[in-house]
Every structure is written in structure tokens, then in C-alpha cells.
Amino acid sequence: MAVLNVNGKALNHNADPRTPLLWVLREQLNLTGTKYGCGIAQCGACRVLIDGGATRSCQVPANSVGNRKVTTIEGLAASGQLNKIQAAWVAVDVPQCGYCQSGMVMAATALLAAKPKPTDADIDAAMTNICRCGTYQQVREAIHAAAKA
């Protein structure tokens, strides 16, 4: 039995150590907010935070995480209240199909932690997720709104 520190809790799993973190989160820990998109770390749908850094979990072996802190989309809201990024996402009406959005929110969370007042260039550099609906302008607007909140 292995243990991961996810969303502030020590969670046990029995996956093969080489299993990608994405699948441990989804299949072993039932945290399905993190999505499978491409499986080759290109689209960003599987982004989580590992020690605060945005990480594409589909290519991270579970055994490489160790005691580092993993945060998934489920770990952002506190006491049932959306955080400022999630609230901005809703206020700006960012999602269309919504599939990529959890990964986008996680990338934005890491960005604002590193740069509380990002420029458009900072946002463009950090938000490398693929959104097939093309909500990039709304994403930028929501990040600026969250930065002001």
C-alpha cells in the first residue's frame, strides 16, 4: 500500500508504482475532476499542482511523487466556497464544453501564486493548455479578474 498527500489528506492506494498519477487519482482515489485528454502531456487537461507547481499528471509516475503535496481541482474550494479563480471562471462564463477547464484552473492557480498581477504575456506563456472550444480570451479575462479579487 502506497500513500499520496492529496488535497491535504494522506490517501492510500495500491496501484503499480509506475502507474501515472492521473490514473491513481481517477481510478484509485476517485478524484475524477482531473481529466484524461491526450496521455502525452500536451493538452493540459490532466494538470494538478505538485508542491504548487502546475504538472501534467498523465506522465508522472505515482512513485515519483513521494511526500510532495498534490492538489487537484477538488482541493481548491474551501468549506464549499469556490476560490477566487473558480469564482472568476464562473463570473466570466469561461467553460463551454468544460473538458479542459479543470486543467486550465490548475494552471491559472499556479500562475497567480507565482505572479499575482500577471500581464497578458505572462498569461499567454503560462496557459499552454489546449481548449478545443477556443475560450482563450475568456480565460485571460477570468485570470485578470481573479488577480483583482
Protein backbone atom coordinates (compact mmCIF):
# COMPACT_ATOMS: atom_id res chain seq x y z
CA MET A 1 0.00 0.00 0.00
CA ALA A 2 1.39 3.39 -1.00
CA VAL A 3 0.38 6.79 0.32
CA LEU A 4 -0.06 10.10 -1.52
CA ASN A 5 -0.63 13.50 0.08
CA VAL A 6 -3.61 14.74 -1.94
CA ASN A 7 -5.66 17.82 -1.08
CA GLY A 8 -4.21 17.84 2.41
CA LYS A 9 -5.02 14.21 3.19
CA ALA A 10 -2.86 11.10 3.27
CA LEU A 11 -4.60 8.72 0.85
CA ASN A 12 -3.70 5.06 0.36
CA HIS A 13 -3.63 3.36 -3.00
CA ASN A 14 -2.44 0.03 -4.32
CA ALA A 15 -1.60 0.94 -7.91
CA ASP A 16 1.55 -0.27 -9.61
CA PRO A 17 4.24 2.33 -8.71
CA ARG A 18 4.79 3.11 -12.40
CA THR A 19 1.13 3.99 -12.94
CA PRO A 20 0.71 7.61 -13.98
CA LEU A 21 -0.52 9.87 -11.19
CA LEU A 22 -3.57 10.75 -13.31
CA TRP A 23 -4.85 7.19 -13.18
CA VAL A 24 -4.14 6.79 -9.47
CA LEU A 25 -6.13 9.96 -8.80
CA ARG A 26 -9.03 8.94 -11.03
CA GLU A 27 -9.20 5.16 -10.61
CA GLN A 28 -7.81 4.52 -7.14
CA LEU A 29 -8.76 7.70 -5.27
CA ASN A 30 -11.98 8.56 -7.17
CA LEU A 31 -10.88 12.15 -7.80
CA THR A 32 -12.30 12.43 -11.31
CA GLY A 33 -12.04 16.21 -11.74
CA THR A 34 -8.61 15.72 -13.27
CA LYS A 35 -9.24 14.69 -16.88
CA TYR A 36 -7.52 12.45 -19.38
CA GLY A 37 -7.03 14.32 -22.63
CA CYS A 38 -4.10 13.15 -24.72
CA GLY A 39 -1.93 10.95 -22.50
CA ILE A 40 1.28 12.55 -23.81
CA ALA A 41 1.42 15.71 -21.63
CA GLN A 42 0.44 18.03 -24.46
CA CYS A 43 -3.15 19.17 -23.84
CA GLY A 44 -3.05 20.03 -20.12
CA ALA A 45 -6.44 18.54 -19.18
CA CYS A 46 -4.66 16.43 -16.54
CA ARG A 47 -2.93 19.32 -14.74
CA VAL A 48 -2.64 19.17 -10.99
CA LEU A 49 -0.41 21.06 -8.60
CA ILE A 50 2.56 19.26 -7.09
CA ASP A 51 4.06 21.40 -4.35
CA GLY A 52 2.30 24.35 -6.00
CA GLY A 53 3.70 23.79 -9.50
CA ALA A 54 1.35 23.03 -12.39
CA THR A 55 2.12 19.49 -13.54
CA ARG A 56 0.65 17.33 -16.29
CA SER A 57 -0.18 14.23 -14.29
CA CYS A 58 -0.55 11.81 -17.21
CA GLN A 59 3.22 11.45 -17.47
CA VAL A 60 4.17 11.49 -13.77
CA PRO A 61 4.67 8.02 -12.28
CA ALA A 62 2.89 7.78 -8.94
CA ASN A 63 6.06 6.52 -7.25
CA SER A 64 7.94 9.71 -8.21
CA VAL A 65 5.62 11.95 -6.18
CA GLY A 66 6.77 10.77 -2.76
CA ASN A 67 5.63 13.02 0.09
CA ARG A 68 5.10 16.08 -2.09
CA LYS A 69 1.73 17.82 -1.84
CA VAL A 70 -0.67 17.10 -4.69
CA THR A 71 -3.63 19.42 -5.20
CA THR A 72 -6.43 18.53 -7.59
CA ILE A 73 -9.37 20.66 -8.71
CA GLU A 74 -11.36 19.08 -5.87
CA GLY A 75 -8.91 20.59 -3.37
CA LEU A 76 -9.31 24.24 -4.38
CA ALA A 77 -12.69 25.13 -2.90
CA ALA A 78 -12.62 25.64 0.88
CA SER A 79 -15.68 24.88 3.02
CA GLY A 80 -17.84 24.66 -0.08
CA GLN A 81 -16.75 28.11 -1.31
CA LEU A 82 -15.09 28.49 -4.70
CA ASN A 83 -11.67 30.10 -4.61
CA LYS A 84 -11.16 33.40 -6.45
CA ILE A 85 -10.05 31.71 -9.66
CA GLN A 86 -13.00 29.33 -9.75
CA ALA A 87 -15.36 32.23 -8.95
CA ALA A 88 -13.86 34.31 -11.78
CA TRP A 89 -14.23 31.34 -14.15
CA VAL A 90 -17.95 31.21 -13.36
CA ALA A 91 -18.44 35.01 -13.44
CA VAL A 92 -16.78 35.33 -16.84
CA ASP A 93 -18.57 32.20 -18.12
CA VAL A 94 -15.34 30.61 -19.34
CA PRO A 95 -16.36 26.96 -19.89
CA GLN A 96 -18.14 25.79 -22.98
CA CYS A 97 -17.75 22.03 -23.17
CA GLY A 98 -15.75 22.28 -19.92
CA TYR A 99 -13.48 19.30 -20.50
CA CYS A 100 -10.19 21.21 -20.32
CA GLN A 101 -11.31 23.59 -17.60
CA SER A 102 -10.02 21.79 -14.51
CA GLY A 103 -6.54 21.74 -16.03
CA MET A 104 -6.89 25.40 -17.02
CA VAL A 105 -7.95 26.37 -13.48
CA MET A 106 -4.98 24.50 -12.03
CA ALA A 107 -2.58 26.25 -14.43
CA ALA A 108 -4.12 29.62 -13.54
CA THR A 109 -3.79 28.80 -9.84
CA ALA A 110 -0.06 28.16 -10.23
CA LEU A 111 0.32 31.30 -12.35
CA LEU A 112 -1.35 33.60 -9.81
CA ALA A 113 0.64 32.06 -6.97
CA ALA A 114 3.85 32.91 -8.84
CA LYS A 115 2.69 36.22 -10.37
CA PRO A 116 -0.22 37.78 -8.50
CA LYS A 117 -0.66 40.52 -11.15
CA PRO A 118 0.17 38.80 -14.45
CA THR A 119 0.38 40.60 -17.77
CA ASP A 120 -1.25 39.26 -20.91
CA ALA A 121 2.18 37.94 -21.92
CA ASP A 122 2.54 36.14 -18.57
CA ILE A 123 -0.88 34.56 -19.04
CA ASP A 124 -0.13 33.51 -22.60
CA ALA A 125 3.15 31.92 -21.50
CA ALA A 126 1.59 30.02 -18.57
CA MET A 127 -1.68 28.92 -20.14
CA THR A 128 -0.45 26.32 -22.59
CA ASN A 129 -3.49 24.08 -22.24
CA ILE A 130 -5.39 23.18 -25.38
CA CYS A 131 -9.04 24.24 -25.43
CA ARG A 132 -10.89 22.89 -28.42
CA CYS A 133 -13.72 25.40 -27.80
CA GLY A 134 -11.27 28.31 -28.04
CA THR A 135 -12.09 30.06 -24.77
CA TYR A 136 -8.64 31.64 -24.52
CA GLN A 137 -9.91 35.26 -24.39
CA GLN A 138 -12.34 34.39 -21.60
CA VAL A 139 -9.55 32.57 -19.75
CA ARG A 140 -7.38 35.67 -19.91
CA GLU A 141 -10.29 37.84 -18.71
CA ALA A 142 -11.01 35.47 -15.81
CA ILE A 143 -7.35 35.42 -14.73
CA HIS A 144 -7.23 39.23 -14.71
CA ALA A 145 -10.49 39.29 -12.71
CA ALA A 146 -9.11 36.78 -10.19
CA ALA A 147 -5.92 38.83 -9.86
CA LYS A 148 -8.02 41.86 -8.91
CA ALA A 149 -10.19 39.95 -6.41
